[in-house]
Protein backbone atom coordinates (compact mmCIF):
# COMPACT_ATOMS: atom_id res chain seq x y z
CA UNK A 1 -20.64 -20.37 45.86
CA UNK A 2 -20.17 -17.74 43.92
CA UNK A 3 -19.67 -14.82 46.53
CA UNK A 4 -19.44 -11.39 43.73
CA UNK A 5 -23.09 -13.00 43.15
CA UNK A 6 -23.98 -12.74 46.93
CA UNK A 7 -22.18 -9.59 47.00
CA UNK A 8 -24.62 -8.16 44.36
CA UNK A 9 -27.45 -9.65 46.06
CA UNK A 10 -26.77 -8.94 49.26
CA UNK A 11 -25.90 -4.65 48.12
CA UNK A 12 -29.23 -4.92 46.76
CA UNK A 13 -30.90 -6.32 49.72
CA UNK A 14 -29.33 -4.41 52.04
CA UNK A 15 -30.18 -1.16 50.32
CA UNK A 16 -34.04 -2.60 50.57
CA UNK A 17 -33.84 -3.14 54.58
CA UNK A 18 -33.62 -6.83 53.91
CA UNK A 19 -29.90 -7.82 54.78
CA UNK A 20 -28.00 -6.15 57.12
CA UNK A 21 -25.24 -3.66 56.03
CA UNK A 22 -22.15 -4.89 54.34
CA UNK A 23 -19.22 -3.71 56.24
CA UNK A 24 -16.29 -5.48 54.60
CA UNK A 25 -16.27 -7.23 50.64
CA UNK A 26 -13.43 -8.92 49.05
CA UNK A 27 -15.45 -11.49 47.30
CA UNK A 28 -12.33 -12.88 45.16
CA UNK A 29 -10.99 -13.91 48.59
CA UNK A 30 -14.42 -15.09 49.65
CA UNK A 31 -14.84 -12.09 52.37
CA UNK A 32 -17.73 -10.31 52.94
CA UNK A 33 -18.58 -8.98 56.41
CA UNK A 34 -21.92 -7.65 57.50
CA UNK A 35 -23.02 -5.56 60.73
CA UNK A 36 -24.48 -7.17 63.45
CA UNK A 37 -27.97 -7.20 63.18
CA UNK A 38 -29.55 -7.68 67.03
CA UNK A 39 -32.78 -9.49 67.83
CA UNK A 40 -33.63 -13.13 67.83
CA UNK A 41 -33.47 -15.73 65.10
CA UNK A 42 -36.76 -17.47 64.24
CA UNK A 43 -37.66 -20.64 65.64
CA UNK A 44 -39.74 -23.03 63.71
CA UNK A 45 -42.91 -22.33 65.94
CA UNK A 46 -42.40 -18.82 64.86
CA UNK A 47 -41.88 -19.97 60.96
CA UNK A 48 -45.18 -21.81 60.93
CA UNK A 49 -47.37 -19.31 63.22
CA UNK A 50 -50.42 -17.32 61.81
CA UNK A 51 -48.42 -13.97 62.50
CA UNK A 52 -45.37 -15.11 60.86
CA UNK A 53 -46.56 -16.35 57.77
CA UNK A 54 -48.52 -13.32 57.24
CA UNK A 55 -45.09 -11.46 58.30
CA UNK A 56 -43.16 -13.56 56.07
CA UNK A 57 -45.15 -13.67 52.90
CA UNK A 58 -45.71 -9.93 53.13
CA UNK A 59 -41.74 -9.53 53.33
CA UNK A 60 -41.19 -12.04 50.79
CA UNK A 61 -43.40 -9.70 48.40
CA UNK A 62 -41.28 -6.56 49.30
CA UNK A 63 -38.12 -8.49 48.82
CA UNK A 64 -39.41 -9.70 45.25
CA UNK A 65 -40.54 -6.72 44.16
CA UNK A 66 -36.81 -5.04 43.96
CA UNK A 67 -34.93 -4.37 41.17
CA UNK A 68 -32.90 -7.53 40.01
CA UNK A 69 -29.39 -5.83 40.24
CA UNK A 70 -27.49 -5.47 36.77
CA UNK A 71 -25.39 -8.42 36.60
CA UNK A 72 -27.39 -10.97 38.89
CA UNK A 73 -27.01 -14.33 37.80
CA UNK A 74 -30.31 -16.60 37.45
CA UNK A 75 -30.75 -19.32 39.16
CA UNK A 76 -30.04 -22.58 37.23
CA UNK A 77 -31.57 -25.53 39.89
CA UNK A 78 -30.80 -28.14 37.26
CA UNK A 79 -26.97 -26.89 37.70
CA UNK A 80 -27.26 -26.83 41.28
CA UNK A 81 -28.52 -30.46 41.85
CA UNK A 82 -26.19 -31.45 39.64
CA UNK A 83 -23.37 -29.93 41.57
CA UNK A 84 -24.47 -31.39 45.14
CA UNK A 85 -24.73 -34.86 43.09
CA UNK A 86 -21.70 -34.30 41.80
CA UNK A 87 -20.27 -33.02 45.13
CA UNK A 88 -21.89 -35.24 47.84
CA UNK A 89 -20.77 -38.49 48.41
CA UNK A 90 -23.44 -41.34 46.95
CA UNK A 91 -25.35 -43.08 50.01
CA UNK A 92 -27.21 -45.95 49.55
CA UNK A 93 -30.67 -45.08 48.31
CA UNK A 94 -33.49 -46.54 46.03
CA UNK A 95 -32.18 -45.12 43.01
CA UNK A 96 -28.96 -45.05 41.66
CA UNK A 97 -26.88 -41.39 41.19
CA UNK A 98 -27.38 -41.16 37.65
CA UNK A 99 -31.31 -42.21 37.72
CA UNK A 100 -31.55 -39.53 40.21
CA UNK A 101 -29.87 -36.92 38.26
CA UNK A 102 -32.01 -38.01 34.85
CA UNK A 103 -35.37 -37.76 36.81
CA UNK A 104 -34.91 -34.21 38.59
CA UNK A 105 -33.40 -32.95 35.00
CA UNK A 106 -36.99 -34.20 33.61
CA UNK A 107 -38.91 -32.33 36.75
CA UNK A 108 -37.16 -29.13 35.89
CA UNK A 109 -37.50 -28.86 32.14
CA UNK A 110 -41.34 -27.40 32.31
CA UNK A 111 -39.65 -25.42 35.36
CA UNK A 112 -36.81 -23.88 33.16
CA UNK A 113 -39.54 -23.47 30.32
CA UNK A 114 -40.80 -19.81 31.06
CA UNK A 115 -37.16 -18.11 31.35
CA UNK A 116 -35.58 -19.76 28.08
CA UNK A 117 -35.44 -16.38 26.47
CA UNK A 118 -32.81 -15.33 28.66
CA UNK A 119 -34.16 -12.20 30.05
CA UNK A 120 -35.28 -11.50 33.93
CA UNK A 121 -38.83 -11.68 32.79
CA UNK A 122 -41.09 -13.42 35.33
CA UNK A 123 -37.84 -13.18 37.37
CA UNK A 124 -37.11 -11.44 40.95
CA UNK A 125 -34.48 -10.99 43.53
CA UNK A 126 -34.63 -14.48 45.65
CA UNK A 127 -33.06 -15.20 48.59
CA UNK A 128 -33.68 -19.44 48.02
CA UNK A 129 -32.58 -20.69 51.26
CA UNK A 130 -35.25 -19.18 53.72
CA UNK A 131 -35.78 -21.14 56.41
CA UNK A 132 -36.24 -20.45 59.77
CA UNK A 133 -32.77 -19.84 61.07
CA UNK A 134 -31.73 -17.40 58.48
CA UNK A 135 -34.48 -14.70 59.76
CA UNK A 136 -33.38 -12.31 62.14
CA UNK A 137 -36.44 -10.22 63.97
CA UNK A 138 -35.29 -7.15 65.15
CA UNK A 139 -38.60 -5.99 64.77
CA UNK A 140 -39.03 -5.91 61.02
CA UNK A 141 -37.27 -9.29 59.25
CA UNK A 142 -34.06 -9.48 57.91
CA UNK A 143 -33.15 -12.08 56.12
CA UNK A 144 -29.44 -13.50 56.89
CA UNK A 145 -27.28 -16.13 54.44
CA UNK A 146 -27.55 -15.02 51.25
CA UNK A 147 -25.28 -17.53 49.40
CA UNK A 148 -27.81 -18.52 47.09
CA UNK A 149 -29.75 -15.71 45.90
CA UNK A 150 -30.09 -15.07 42.21
CA UNK A 151 -32.42 -13.77 39.69
CA UNK A 152 -35.00 -16.93 40.01
CA UNK A 153 -38.72 -17.78 39.92
CA UNK A 154 -39.96 -15.67 43.59
CA UNK A 155 -42.79 -18.99 43.57
CA UNK A 156 -39.37 -21.29 44.66
CA UNK A 157 -39.15 -19.24 47.19
CA UNK A 158 -42.45 -19.25 48.46
CA UNK A 159 -42.46 -22.89 47.61
CA UNK A 160 -39.08 -23.94 49.48
CA UNK A 161 -40.28 -21.74 52.78
CA UNK A 162 -43.62 -23.97 52.74
CA UNK A 163 -41.44 -27.00 52.26
CA UNK A 164 -39.02 -26.44 55.06
CA UNK A 165 -41.46 -25.95 57.56
CA UNK A 166 -43.60 -28.42 56.65
CA UNK A 167 -46.93 -26.07 56.09
CA UNK A 168 -49.96 -28.07 55.73
CA UNK A 169 -52.47 -26.63 53.04
CA UNK A 170 -54.21 -23.80 55.54
CA UNK A 171 -50.72 -22.69 56.11
CA UNK A 172 -49.94 -22.67 52.68
CA UNK A 173 -53.19 -20.39 52.03
CA UNK A 174 -52.18 -17.98 54.77
CA UNK A 175 -48.46 -17.56 53.55
CA UNK A 176 -50.36 -17.00 50.27
CA UNK A 177 -53.03 -14.67 51.01
CA UNK A 178 -50.18 -12.77 53.14
CA UNK A 179 -48.00 -12.52 49.59
CA UNK A 180 -51.10 -11.56 47.70
CA UNK A 181 -51.57 -14.63 45.38
CA UNK A 182 -54.32 -17.35 45.92
CA UNK A 183 -53.42 -20.67 46.50
CA UNK A 184 -53.06 -22.29 42.90
CA UNK A 185 -52.11 -19.52 41.27
CA UNK A 186 -48.59 -20.03 40.07
CA UNK A 187 -49.32 -23.79 38.82
CA UNK A 188 -53.03 -24.56 39.30
CA UNK A 189 -52.35 -26.31 42.45
CA UNK A 190 -51.08 -25.02 45.74
CA UNK A 191 -47.84 -25.00 46.99
């Protein structure tokens, strides 16, 4: 985990009201202490409910509208997958580790193409790990656990949320409507 990048994301998110306020930071030592946020952590049912989808879609749209903090690195999903494959002990499965890595790299090739120019065009400040346990509801939705935050593709934040919560087509459509997009807007297919 790059704690300096996490700090940049946290500062921007906190300034926008999306994360707890930072009270102590020594990223070189892995120390980031945040203000306690009252409220309750969402349940899986909250994340899938119509009101939850409406609120999270609107909240993600607002998060993605924040300026990307200068110096925040871009998210590289291929590198993240390679790190996981290198650090997680191999388990017996249908594919050998090398073949799994090759298939992941192939699948991500098209994903990376729009960002190949090295700019942040098309990117936004993304959480990259937004499941219900990282949402605290104190009347507004506050996001915690920013260690994977980066300049990224906002569609990835939406898709990850949809997959984490196994949203069906109707729920995905509701999430996208709350976000201000229509199904298929990103790739010609629904989330």
